[in-house]
Amino acid sequence: MFEMIKQAASMKKEMGKIQKDLERKTVDYSHAGGKIEVVARGDMTIQSIRIDPVSIDPDKAARLEELIAGAINGALKTAKKEAAKEMSKMTGGMGLDGLLG
């Protein structure tokens, strides 16, 4: 029993380390043929958004908003996949990937 508690404590410490690493890791996601680029962090936050100035047309604001939402969602999905991959390295395929949300 003590060994199991020790193992759980070690796993918790390792998960904390991986989560800190994910905060620094970034993924780039390009959307709409490169018109919108989003950089997301492994902690599911957005670091930056770049919009090609050609895409900025005041008469088409709704379309630009859709493109931005698509780019952000794509970047976060990619970041989540990367985070799950990192976590699965630690969990050894124990099926704990759902911990990331």
PDB file of N, CA and C in Angstrom:
ATOM      1  N   MET A   1       0.822  -1.195   0.000  1.00  0.00           N
ATOM      2  CA  MET A   1       0.000   0.000   0.000  1.00  0.00           C
ATOM      3  C   MET A   1       0.871   1.267   0.000  1.00  0.00           C
ATOM      4  N   PHE A   2       1.910   1.269   0.833  1.00  0.00           N
ATOM      5  CA  PHE A   2       2.801   2.429   0.895  1.00  0.00           C
ATOM      6  C   PHE A   2       3.463   2.667  -0.457  1.00  0.00           C
ATOM      7  N   GLU A   3       3.825   1.595  -1.130  1.00  0.00           N
ATOM      8  CA  GLU A   3       4.468   1.718  -2.447  1.00  0.00           C
ATOM      9  C   GLU A   3       3.516   2.370  -3.458  1.00  0.00           C
ATOM     10  N   MET A   4       2.235   2.023  -3.372  1.00  0.00           N
ATOM     11  CA  MET A   4       1.243   2.597  -4.273  1.00  0.00           C
ATOM     12  C   MET A   4       1.076   4.099  -4.018  1.00  0.00           C
ATOM     13  N   ILE A   5       1.071   4.489  -2.761  1.00  0.00           N
ATOM     14  CA  ILE A   5       0.958   5.917  -2.407  1.00  0.00           C
ATOM     15  C   ILE A   5       2.189   6.667  -2.898  1.00  0.00           C
ATOM     16  N   LYS A   6       3.337   6.058  -2.724  1.00  0.00           N
ATOM     17  CA  LYS A   6       4.586   6.664  -3.185  1.00  0.00           C
ATOM     18  C   LYS A   6       4.571   6.838  -4.703  1.00  0.00           C
ATOM     19  N   GLN A   7       4.065   5.819  -5.402  1.00  0.00           N
ATOM     20  CA  GLN A   7       3.978   5.868  -6.865  1.00  0.00           C
ATOM     21  C   GLN A   7       3.015   6.974  -7.309  1.00  0.00           C
ATOM     22  N   ALA A   8       1.876   7.108  -6.611  1.00  0.00           N
ATOM     23  CA  ALA A   8       0.898   8.144  -6.947  1.00  0.00           C
ATOM     24  C   ALA A   8       1.489   9.532  -6.729  1.00  0.00           C
ATOM     25  N   ALA A   9       2.236   9.709  -5.652  1.00  0.00           N
ATOM     26  CA  ALA A   9       2.871  11.001  -5.379  1.00  0.00           C
ATOM     27  C   ALA A   9       3.896  11.340  -6.463  1.00  0.00           C
ATOM     28  N   SER A  10       4.637  10.326  -6.877  1.00  0.00           N
ATOM     29  CA  SER A  10       5.625  10.526  -7.939  1.00  0.00           C
ATOM     30  C   SER A  10       4.933  10.897  -9.245  1.00  0.00           C
ATOM     31  N   MET A  11       3.819  10.230  -9.533  1.00  0.00           N
ATOM     32  CA  MET A  11       3.067  10.503 -10.755  1.00  0.00           C
ATOM     33  C   MET A  11       2.503  11.921 -10.726  1.00  0.00           C
ATOM     34  N   LYS A  12       2.009  12.346  -9.580  1.00  0.00           N
ATOM     35  CA  LYS A  12       1.467  13.703  -9.444  1.00  0.00           C
ATOM     36  C   LYS A  12       2.561  14.744  -9.686  1.00  0.00           C
ATOM     37  N   LYS A  13       3.732  14.490  -9.142  1.00  0.00           N
ATOM     38  CA  LYS A  13       4.862  15.410  -9.332  1.00  0.00           C
ATOM     39  C   LYS A  13       5.234  15.486 -10.817  1.00  0.00           C
ATOM     40  N   GLU A  14       5.272  14.323 -11.480  1.00  0.00           N
ATOM     41  CA  GLU A  14       5.616  14.273 -12.899  1.00  0.00           C
ATOM     42  C   GLU A  14       4.558  14.988 -13.739  1.00  0.00           C
ATOM     43  N   MET A  15       3.274  14.817 -13.383  1.00  0.00           N
ATOM     44  CA  MET A  15       2.206  15.505 -14.108  1.00  0.00           C
ATOM     45  C   MET A  15       2.354  17.020 -13.977  1.00  0.00           C
ATOM     46  N   GLY A  16       2.709  17.480 -12.787  1.00  0.00           N
ATOM     47  CA  GLY A  16       2.932  18.913 -12.589  1.00  0.00           C
ATOM     48  C   GLY A  16       4.048  19.432 -13.473  1.00  0.00           C
ATOM     49  N   LYS A  17       5.112  18.645 -13.586  1.00  0.00           N
ATOM     50  CA  LYS A  17       6.242  19.032 -14.440  1.00  0.00           C
ATOM     51  C   LYS A  17       5.807  19.104 -15.902  1.00  0.00           C
ATOM     52  N   ILE A  18       5.053  18.104 -16.345  1.00  0.00           N
ATOM     53  CA  ILE A  18       4.584  18.084 -17.734  1.00  0.00           C
ATOM     54  C   ILE A  18       3.674  19.273 -17.997  1.00  0.00           C
ATOM     55  N   GLN A  19       2.784  19.597 -17.057  1.00  0.00           N
ATOM     56  CA  GLN A  19       1.890  20.738 -17.241  1.00  0.00           C
ATOM     57  C   GLN A  19       2.673  22.040 -17.325  1.00  0.00           C
ATOM     58  N   LYS A  20       3.726  22.179 -16.541  1.00  0.00           N
ATOM     59  CA  LYS A  20       4.580  23.378 -16.634  1.00  0.00           C
ATOM     60  C   LYS A  20       5.248  23.448 -18.005  1.00  0.00           C
ATOM     61  N   ASP A  21       5.719  22.297 -18.488  1.00  0.00           N
ATOM     62  CA  ASP A  21       6.338  22.247 -19.810  1.00  0.00           C
ATOM     63  C   ASP A  21       5.333  22.630 -20.893  1.00  0.00           C
ATOM     64  N   LEU A  22       4.087  22.156 -20.745  1.00  0.00           N
ATOM     65  CA  LEU A  22       3.050  22.471 -21.730  1.00  0.00           C
ATOM     66  C   LEU A  22       2.734  23.964 -21.763  1.00  0.00           C
ATOM     67  N   GLU A  23       2.860  24.642 -20.632  1.00  0.00           N
ATOM     68  CA  GLU A  23       2.621  26.085 -20.601  1.00  0.00           C
ATOM     69  C   GLU A  23       3.589  26.831 -21.512  1.00  0.00           C
ATOM     70  N   ARG A  24       4.784  26.272 -21.672  1.00  0.00           N
ATOM     71  CA  ARG A  24       5.807  26.916 -22.512  1.00  0.00           C
ATOM     72  C   ARG A  24       5.765  26.443 -23.958  1.00  0.00           C
ATOM     73  N   LYS A  25       5.210  25.271 -24.205  1.00  0.00           N
ATOM     74  CA  LYS A  25       5.168  24.702 -25.551  1.00  0.00           C
ATOM     75  C   LYS A  25       4.089  25.400 -26.379  1.00  0.00           C
ATOM     76  N   THR A  26       4.387  25.652 -27.644  1.00  0.00           N
ATOM     77  CA  THR A  26       3.416  26.307 -28.511  1.00  0.00           C
ATOM     78  C   THR A  26       3.200  25.488 -29.783  1.00  0.00           C
ATOM     79  N   VAL A  27       2.031  25.691 -30.386  1.00  0.00           N
ATOM     80  CA  VAL A  27       1.732  25.110 -31.699  1.00  0.00           C
ATOM     81  C   VAL A  27       1.242  26.237 -32.589  1.00  0.00           C
ATOM     82  N   ASP A  28       1.615  26.174 -33.846  1.00  0.00           N
ATOM     83  CA  ASP A  28       1.172  27.156 -34.840  1.00  0.00           C
ATOM     84  C   ASP A  28       0.061  26.525 -35.660  1.00  0.00           C
ATOM     85  N   TYR A  29      -0.960  27.314 -35.975  1.00  0.00           N
ATOM     86  CA  TYR A  29      -2.058  26.817 -36.791  1.00  0.00           C
ATOM     87  C   TYR A  29      -2.408  27.883 -37.822  1.00  0.00           C
ATOM     88  N   SER A  30      -2.406  27.482 -39.083  1.00  0.00           N
ATOM     89  CA  SER A  30      -2.725  28.382 -40.185  1.00  0.00           C
ATOM     90  C   SER A  30      -4.111  28.016 -40.717  1.00  0.00           C
ATOM     91  N   HIS A  31      -4.932  29.019 -40.991  1.00  0.00           N
ATOM     92  CA  HIS A  31      -6.320  28.807 -41.412  1.00  0.00           C
ATOM     93  C   HIS A  31      -6.619  29.687 -42.619  1.00  0.00           C
ATOM     94  N   ALA A  32      -7.564  29.258 -43.421  1.00  0.00           N
ATOM     95  CA  ALA A  32      -8.023  30.030 -44.586  1.00  0.00           C
ATOM     96  C   ALA A  32      -6.858  30.361 -45.522  1.00  0.00           C
ATOM     97  N   GLY A  33      -6.083  29.343 -45.831  1.00  0.00           N
ATOM     98  CA  GLY A  33      -4.976  29.539 -46.761  1.00  0.00           C
ATOM     99  C   GLY A  33      -3.897  30.466 -46.238  1.00  0.00           C
ATOM    100  N   GLY A  34      -3.717  30.488 -44.942  1.00  0.00           N
ATOM    101  CA  GLY A  34      -2.683  31.320 -44.336  1.00  0.00           C
ATOM    102  C   GLY A  34      -3.113  32.745 -44.035  1.00  0.00           C
ATOM    103  N   LYS A  35      -4.379  33.062 -44.280  1.00  0.00           N
ATOM    104  CA  LYS A  35      -4.858  34.422 -44.003  1.00  0.00           C
ATOM    105  C   LYS A  35      -4.932  34.707 -42.510  1.00  0.00           C
ATOM    106  N   ILE A  36      -5.130  33.653 -41.718  1.00  0.00           N
ATOM    107  CA  ILE A  36      -5.182  33.786 -40.263  1.00  0.00           C
ATOM    108  C   ILE A  36      -4.222  32.767 -39.672  1.00  0.00           C
ATOM    109  N   GLU A  37      -3.335  33.214 -38.803  1.00  0.00           N
ATOM    110  CA  GLU A  37      -2.415  32.315 -38.124  1.00  0.00           C
ATOM    111  C   GLU A  37      -2.556  32.526 -36.623  1.00  0.00           C
ATOM    112  N   VAL A  38      -2.662  31.411 -35.900  1.00  0.00           N
ATOM    113  CA  VAL A  38      -2.824  31.463 -34.453  1.00  0.00           C
ATOM    114  C   VAL A  38      -1.739  30.615 -33.809  1.00  0.00           C
ATOM    115  N   VAL A  39      -1.163  31.140 -32.743  1.00  0.00           N
ATOM    116  CA  VAL A  39      -0.204  30.381 -31.946  1.00  0.00           C
ATOM    117  C   VAL A  39      -0.880  30.121 -30.601  1.00  0.00           C
ATOM    118  N   ALA A  40      -1.010  28.827 -30.264  1.00  0.00           N
ATOM    119  CA  ALA A  40      -1.627  28.436 -29.000  1.00  0.00           C
ATOM    120  C   ALA A  40      -0.580  27.752 -28.131  1.00  0.00           C
ATOM    121  N   ARG A  41      -0.771  27.883 -26.825  1.00  0.00           N
ATOM    122  CA  ARG A  41       0.107  27.207 -25.869  1.00  0.00           C
ATOM    123  C   ARG A  41      -0.523  25.877 -25.463  1.00  0.00           C
ATOM    124  N   GLY A  42       0.301  25.008 -24.942  1.00  0.00           N
ATOM    125  CA  GLY A  42      -0.164  23.707 -24.481  1.00  0.00           C
ATOM    126  C   GLY A  42      -1.116  23.773 -23.309  1.00  0.00           C
ATOM    127  N   ASP A  43      -1.199  24.936 -22.650  1.00  0.00           N
ATOM    128  CA  ASP A  43      -2.145  25.082 -21.541  1.00  0.00           C
ATOM    129  C   ASP A  43      -3.481  25.637 -22.032  1.00  0.00           C
ATOM    130  N   MET A  44      -3.699  25.569 -23.352  1.00  0.00           N
ATOM    131  CA  MET A  44      -4.948  25.961 -24.006  1.00  0.00           C
ATOM    132  C   MET A  44      -5.225  27.463 -23.937  1.00  0.00           C
ATOM    133  N   THR A  45      -4.172  28.251 -24.010  1.00  0.00           N
ATOM    134  CA  THR A  45      -4.322  29.693 -24.122  1.00  0.00           C
ATOM    135  C   THR A  45      -3.742  30.140 -25.458  1.00  0.00           C
ATOM    136  N   ILE A  46      -4.194  31.280 -25.930  1.00  0.00           N
ATOM    137  CA  ILE A  46      -3.725  31.825 -27.202  1.00  0.00           C
ATOM    138  C   ILE A  46      -2.576  32.788 -26.946  1.00  0.00           C
ATOM    139  N   GLN A  47      -1.460  32.562 -27.615  1.00  0.00           N
ATOM    140  CA  GLN A  47      -0.304  33.447 -27.486  1.00  0.00           C
ATOM    141  C   GLN A  47      -0.402  34.612 -28.453  1.00  0.00           C
ATOM    142  N   SER A  48      -0.800  34.311 -29.709  1.00  0.00           N
ATOM    143  CA  SER A  48      -0.881  35.398 -30.686  1.00  0.00           C
ATOM    144  C   SER A  48      -1.798  35.021 -31.844  1.00  0.00           C
ATOM    145  N   ILE A  49      -2.268  36.066 -32.529  1.00  0.00           N
ATOM    146  CA  ILE A  49      -3.076  35.912 -33.733  1.00  0.00           C
ATOM    147  C   ILE A  49      -2.513  36.880 -34.769  1.00  0.00           C
ATOM    148  N   ARG A  50      -2.303  36.379 -35.988  1.00  0.00           N
ATOM    149  CA  ARG A  50      -1.855  37.242 -37.077  1.00  0.00           C
ATOM    150  C   ARG A  50      -2.897  37.160 -38.178  1.00  0.00           C
ATOM    151  N   ILE A  51      -3.315  38.327 -38.669  1.00  0.00           N
ATOM    152  CA  ILE A  51      -4.310  38.404 -39.732  1.00  0.00           C
ATOM    153  C   ILE A  51      -3.680  39.097 -40.930  1.00  0.00           C
ATOM    154  N   ASP A  52      -3.762  38.451 -42.079  1.00  0.00           N
ATOM    155  CA  ASP A  52      -3.262  39.052 -43.309  1.00  0.00           C
ATOM    156  C   ASP A  52      -4.094  40.311 -43.578  1.00  0.00           C
ATOM    157  N   PRO A  53      -3.458  41.474 -43.712  1.00  0.00           N
ATOM    158  CA  PRO A  53      -4.209  42.716 -43.927  1.00  0.00           C
ATOM    159  C   PRO A  53      -5.179  42.666 -45.108  1.00  0.00           C
ATOM    160  N   VAL A  54      -4.897  41.833 -46.099  1.00  0.00           N
ATOM    161  CA  VAL A  54      -5.790  41.702 -47.247  1.00  0.00           C
ATOM    162  C   VAL A  54      -7.161  41.182 -46.802  1.00  0.00           C
ATOM    163  N   SER A  55      -7.183  40.436 -45.703  1.00  0.00           N
ATOM    164  CA  SER A  55      -8.424  39.842 -45.202  1.00  0.00           C
ATOM    165  C   SER A  55      -9.306  40.838 -44.453  1.00  0.00           C
ATOM    166  N   ILE A  56      -8.786  42.005 -44.180  1.00  0.00           N
ATOM    167  CA  ILE A  56      -9.526  42.982 -43.378  1.00  0.00           C
ATOM    168  C   ILE A  56     -10.336  43.898 -44.295  1.00  0.00           C
ATOM    169  N   ASP A  57     -11.612  43.589 -44.376  1.00  0.00           N
ATOM    170  CA  ASP A  57     -12.552  44.362 -45.180  1.00  0.00           C
ATOM    171  C   ASP A  57     -13.737  44.690 -44.275  1.00  0.00           C
ATOM    172  N   PRO A  58     -13.943  45.962 -43.953  1.00  0.00           N
ATOM    173  CA  PRO A  58     -15.012  46.331 -43.026  1.00  0.00           C
ATOM    174  C   PRO A  58     -16.390  45.804 -43.444  1.00  0.00           C
ATOM    175  N   ASP A  59     -16.594  45.614 -44.735  1.00  0.00           N
ATOM    176  CA  ASP A  59     -17.881  45.121 -45.211  1.00  0.00           C
ATOM    177  C   ASP A  59     -18.045  43.612 -45.003  1.00  0.00           C
ATOM    178  N   LYS A  60     -16.953  42.954 -44.643  1.00  0.00           N
ATOM    179  CA  LYS A  60     -17.001  41.497 -44.457  1.00  0.00           C
ATOM    180  C   LYS A  60     -16.533  41.108 -43.054  1.00  0.00           C
ATOM    181  N   ALA A  61     -16.889  41.907 -42.074  1.00  0.00           N
ATOM    182  CA  ALA A  61     -16.464  41.658 -40.694  1.00  0.00           C
ATOM    183  C   ALA A  61     -16.954  40.304 -40.185  1.00  0.00           C
ATOM    184  N   ALA A  62     -18.190  39.935 -40.513  1.00  0.00           N
ATOM    185  CA  ALA A  62     -18.731  38.661 -40.033  1.00  0.00           C
ATOM    186  C   ALA A  62     -17.906  37.487 -40.561  1.00  0.00           C
ATOM    187  N   ARG A  63     -17.497  37.550 -41.797  1.00  0.00           N
ATOM    188  CA  ARG A  63     -16.677  36.473 -42.379  1.00  0.00           C
ATOM    189  C   ARG A  63     -15.323  36.409 -41.687  1.00  0.00           C
ATOM    190  N   LEU A  64     -14.724  37.553 -41.421  1.00  0.00           N
ATOM    191  CA  LEU A  64     -13.440  37.584 -40.731  1.00  0.00           C
ATOM    192  C   LEU A  64     -13.579  36.984 -39.331  1.00  0.00           C
ATOM    193  N   GLU A  65     -14.669  37.299 -38.653  1.00  0.00           N
ATOM    194  CA  GLU A  65     -14.909  36.738 -37.322  1.00  0.00           C
ATOM    195  C   GLU A  65     -15.014  35.220 -37.385  1.00  0.00           C
ATOM    196  N   GLU A  66     -15.668  34.688 -38.418  1.00  0.00           N
ATOM    197  CA  GLU A  66     -15.770  33.236 -38.596  1.00  0.00           C
ATOM    198  C   GLU A  66     -14.395  32.620 -38.826  1.00  0.00           C
ATOM    199  N   LEU A  67     -13.589  33.282 -39.641  1.00  0.00           N
ATOM    200  CA  LEU A  67     -12.241  32.779 -39.912  1.00  0.00           C
ATOM    201  C   LEU A  67     -11.393  32.763 -38.643  1.00  0.00           C
ATOM    202  N   ILE A  68     -11.496  33.809 -37.849  1.00  0.00           N
ATOM    203  CA  ILE A  68     -10.726  33.885 -36.603  1.00  0.00           C
ATOM    204  C   ILE A  68     -11.168  32.778 -35.649  1.00  0.00           C
ATOM    205  N   ALA A  69     -12.478  32.588 -35.517  1.00  0.00           N
ATOM    206  CA  ALA A  69     -12.987  31.528 -34.635  1.00  0.00           C
ATOM    207  C   ALA A  69     -12.489  30.159 -35.115  1.00  0.00           C
ATOM    208  N   GLY A  70     -12.515  29.922 -36.412  1.00  0.00           N
ATOM    209  CA  GLY A  70     -12.029  28.652 -36.959  1.00  0.00           C
ATOM    210  C   GLY A  70     -10.551  28.446 -36.690  1.00  0.00           C
ATOM    211  N   ALA A  71      -9.783  29.508 -36.831  1.00  0.00           N
ATOM    212  CA  ALA A  71      -8.346  29.420 -36.587  1.00  0.00           C
ATOM    213  C   ALA A  71      -8.055  29.153 -35.112  1.00  0.00           C
ATOM    214  N   ILE A  72      -8.757  29.834 -34.233  1.00  0.00           N
ATOM    215  CA  ILE A  72      -8.555  29.623 -32.795  1.00  0.00           C
ATOM    216  C   ILE A  72      -8.941  28.199 -32.411  1.00  0.00           C
ATOM    217  N   ASN A  73     -10.090  27.747 -32.895  1.00  0.00           N
ATOM    218  CA  ASN A  73     -10.512  26.384 -32.574  1.00  0.00           C
ATOM    219  C   ASN A  73      -9.528  25.351 -33.102  1.00  0.00           C
ATOM    220  N   GLY A  74      -9.005  25.570 -34.297  1.00  0.00           N
ATOM    221  CA  GLY A  74      -8.012  24.656 -34.858  1.00  0.00           C
ATOM    222  C   GLY A  74      -6.729  24.643 -34.042  1.00  0.00           C
ATOM    223  N   ALA A  75      -6.287  25.820 -33.630  1.00  0.00           N
ATOM    224  CA  ALA A  75      -5.059  25.918 -32.835  1.00  0.00           C
ATOM    225  C   ALA A  75      -5.235  25.225 -31.485  1.00  0.00           C
ATOM    226  N   LEU A  76      -6.373  25.449 -30.837  1.00  0.00           N
ATOM    227  CA  LEU A  76      -6.604  24.818 -29.543  1.00  0.00           C
ATOM    228  C   LEU A  76      -6.741  23.303 -29.667  1.00  0.00           C
ATOM    229  N   LYS A  77      -7.357  22.845 -30.743  1.00  0.00           N
ATOM    230  CA  LYS A  77      -7.480  21.403 -30.975  1.00  0.00           C
ATOM    231  C   LYS A  77      -6.093  20.783 -31.161  1.00  0.00           C
ATOM    232  N   THR A  78      -5.237  21.468 -31.931  1.00  0.00           N
ATOM    233  CA  THR A  78      -3.877  20.989 -32.143  1.00  0.00           C
ATOM    234  C   THR A  78      -3.095  20.989 -30.836  1.00  0.00           C
ATOM    235  N   ALA A  79      -3.242  22.054 -30.042  1.00  0.00           N
ATOM    236  CA  ALA A  79      -2.555  22.135 -28.749  1.00  0.00           C
ATOM    237  C   ALA A  79      -3.030  21.021 -27.818  1.00  0.00           C
ATOM    238  N   LYS A  80      -4.330  20.742 -27.837  1.00  0.00           N
ATOM    239  CA  LYS A  80      -4.876  19.687 -26.983  1.00  0.00           C
ATOM    240  C   LYS A  80      -4.318  18.318 -27.385  1.00  0.00           C
ATOM    241  N   LYS A  81      -4.194  18.075 -28.690  1.00  0.00           N
ATOM    242  CA  LYS A  81      -3.618  16.808 -29.162  1.00  0.00           C
ATOM    243  C   LYS A  81      -2.174  16.672 -28.691  1.00  0.00           C
ATOM    244  N   GLU A  82      -1.412  17.750 -28.786  1.00  0.00           N
ATOM    245  CA  GLU A  82      -0.020  17.724 -28.347  1.00  0.00           C
ATOM    246  C   GLU A  82       0.061  17.480 -26.842  1.00  0.00           C
ATOM    247  N   ALA A  83      -0.822  18.128 -26.085  1.00  0.00           N
ATOM    248  CA  ALA A  83      -0.837  17.946 -24.638  1.00  0.00           C
ATOM    249  C   ALA A  83      -1.190  16.502 -24.288  1.00  0.00           C
ATOM    250  N   ALA A  84      -2.162  15.940 -24.981  1.00  0.00           N
ATOM    251  CA  ALA A  84      -2.558  14.555 -24.725  1.00  0.00           C
ATOM    252  C   ALA A  84      -1.408  13.603 -25.043  1.00  0.00           C
ATOM    253  N   LYS A  85      -0.672  13.911 -26.113  1.00  0.00           N
ATOM    254  CA  LYS A  85       0.472  13.074 -26.483  1.00  0.00           C
ATOM    255  C   LYS A  85       1.528  13.105 -25.380  1.00  0.00           C
ATOM    256  N   GLU A  86       1.800  14.291 -24.848  1.00  0.00           N
ATOM    257  CA  GLU A  86       2.784  14.426 -23.769  1.00  0.00           C
ATOM    258  C   GLU A  86       2.324  13.701 -22.507  1.00  0.00           C
ATOM    259  N   MET A  87       1.041  13.848 -22.178  1.00  0.00           N
ATOM    260  CA  MET A  87       0.510  13.201 -20.985  1.00  0.00           C
ATOM    261  C   MET A  87       0.521  11.685 -21.141  1.00  0.00           C
ATOM    262  N   SER A  88       0.255  11.185 -22.346  1.00  0.00           N
ATOM    263  CA  SER A  88       0.217   9.745 -22.540  1.00  0.00           C
ATOM    264  C   SER A  88       1.610   9.136 -22.404  1.00  0.00           C
ATOM    265  N   LYS A  89       2.641   9.926 -22.664  1.00  0.00           N
ATOM    266  CA  LYS A  89       4.004   9.438 -22.439  1.00  0.00           C
ATOM    267  C   LYS A  89       4.195   9.113 -20.958  1.00  0.00           C
ATOM    268  N   MET A  90       3.620   9.966 -20.104  1.00  0.00           N
ATOM    269  CA  MET A  90       3.778   9.777 -18.672  1.00  0.00           C
ATOM    270  C   MET A  90       2.873   8.676 -18.146  1.00  0.00           C
ATOM    271  N   THR A  91       1.644   8.634 -18.641  1.00  0.00           N
ATOM    272  CA  THR A  91       0.695   7.660 -18.114  1.00  0.00           C
ATOM    273  C   THR A  91       0.895   6.278 -18.718  1.00  0.00           C
ATOM    274  N   GLY A  92       1.709   6.186 -19.752  1.00  0.00           N
ATOM    275  CA  GLY A  92       1.996   4.901 -20.357  1.00  0.00           C
ATOM    276  C   GLY A  92       0.767   4.217 -20.936  1.00  0.00           C
ATOM    277  N   GLY A  93      -0.154   5.025 -21.479  1.00  0.00           N
ATOM    278  CA  GLY A  93      -1.349   4.455 -22.089  1.00  0.00           C
ATOM    279  C   GLY A  93      -2.349   3.922 -21.086  1.00  0.00           C
ATOM    280  N   MET A  94      -2.340   4.451 -19.861  1.00  0.00           N
ATOM    281  CA  MET A  94      -3.253   3.978 -18.823  1.00  0.00           C
ATOM    282  C   MET A  94      -4.670   4.511 -19.003  1.00  0.00           C
ATOM    283  N   GLY A  95      -4.927   5.261 -20.071  1.00  0.00           N
ATOM    284  CA  GLY A  95      -6.266   5.770 -20.316  1.00  0.00           C
ATOM    285  C   GLY A  95      -6.608   6.975 -19.463  1.00  0.00           C
ATOM    286  N   LEU A  96      -5.621   7.738 -19.051  1.00  0.00           N
ATOM    287  CA  LEU A  96      -5.866   8.911 -18.211  1.00  0.00           C
ATOM    288  C   LEU A  96      -5.863  10.195 -19.010  1.00  0.00           C
ATOM    289  N   ASP A  97      -5.874  10.097 -20.341  1.00  0.00           N
ATOM    290  CA  ASP A  97      -5.812  11.282 -21.190  1.00  0.00           C
ATOM    291  C   ASP A  97      -6.994  12.211 -20.964  1.00  0.00           C
ATOM    292  N   GLY A  98      -8.109  11.695 -20.479  1.00  0.00           N
ATOM    293  CA  GLY A  98      -9.293  12.518 -20.211  1.00  0.00           C
ATOM    294  C   GLY A  98      -9.063  13.550 -19.132  1.00  0.00           C
ATOM    295  N   LEU A  99      -7.971  13.460 -18.420  1.00  0.00           N
ATOM    296  CA  LEU A  99      -7.653  14.433 -17.368  1.00  0.00           C
ATOM    297  C   LEU A  99      -7.454  15.827 -17.936  1.00  0.00           C
ATOM    298  N   LEU A 100      -7.155  15.907 -19.228  1.00  0.00           N
ATOM    299  CA  LEU A 100      -6.917  17.211 -19.856  1.00  0.00           C
ATOM    300  C   LEU A 100      -8.200  17.927 -20.209  1.00  0.00           C
ATOM    301  N   GLY A 101      -9.303  17.288 -20.084  1.00  0.00           N
ATOM    302  CA  GLY A 101     -10.577  17.949 -20.378  1.00  0.00           C
ATOM    303  C   GLY A 101     -11.035  17.605 -21.675  1.00  0.00           C
TER     304      GLY A 101
END
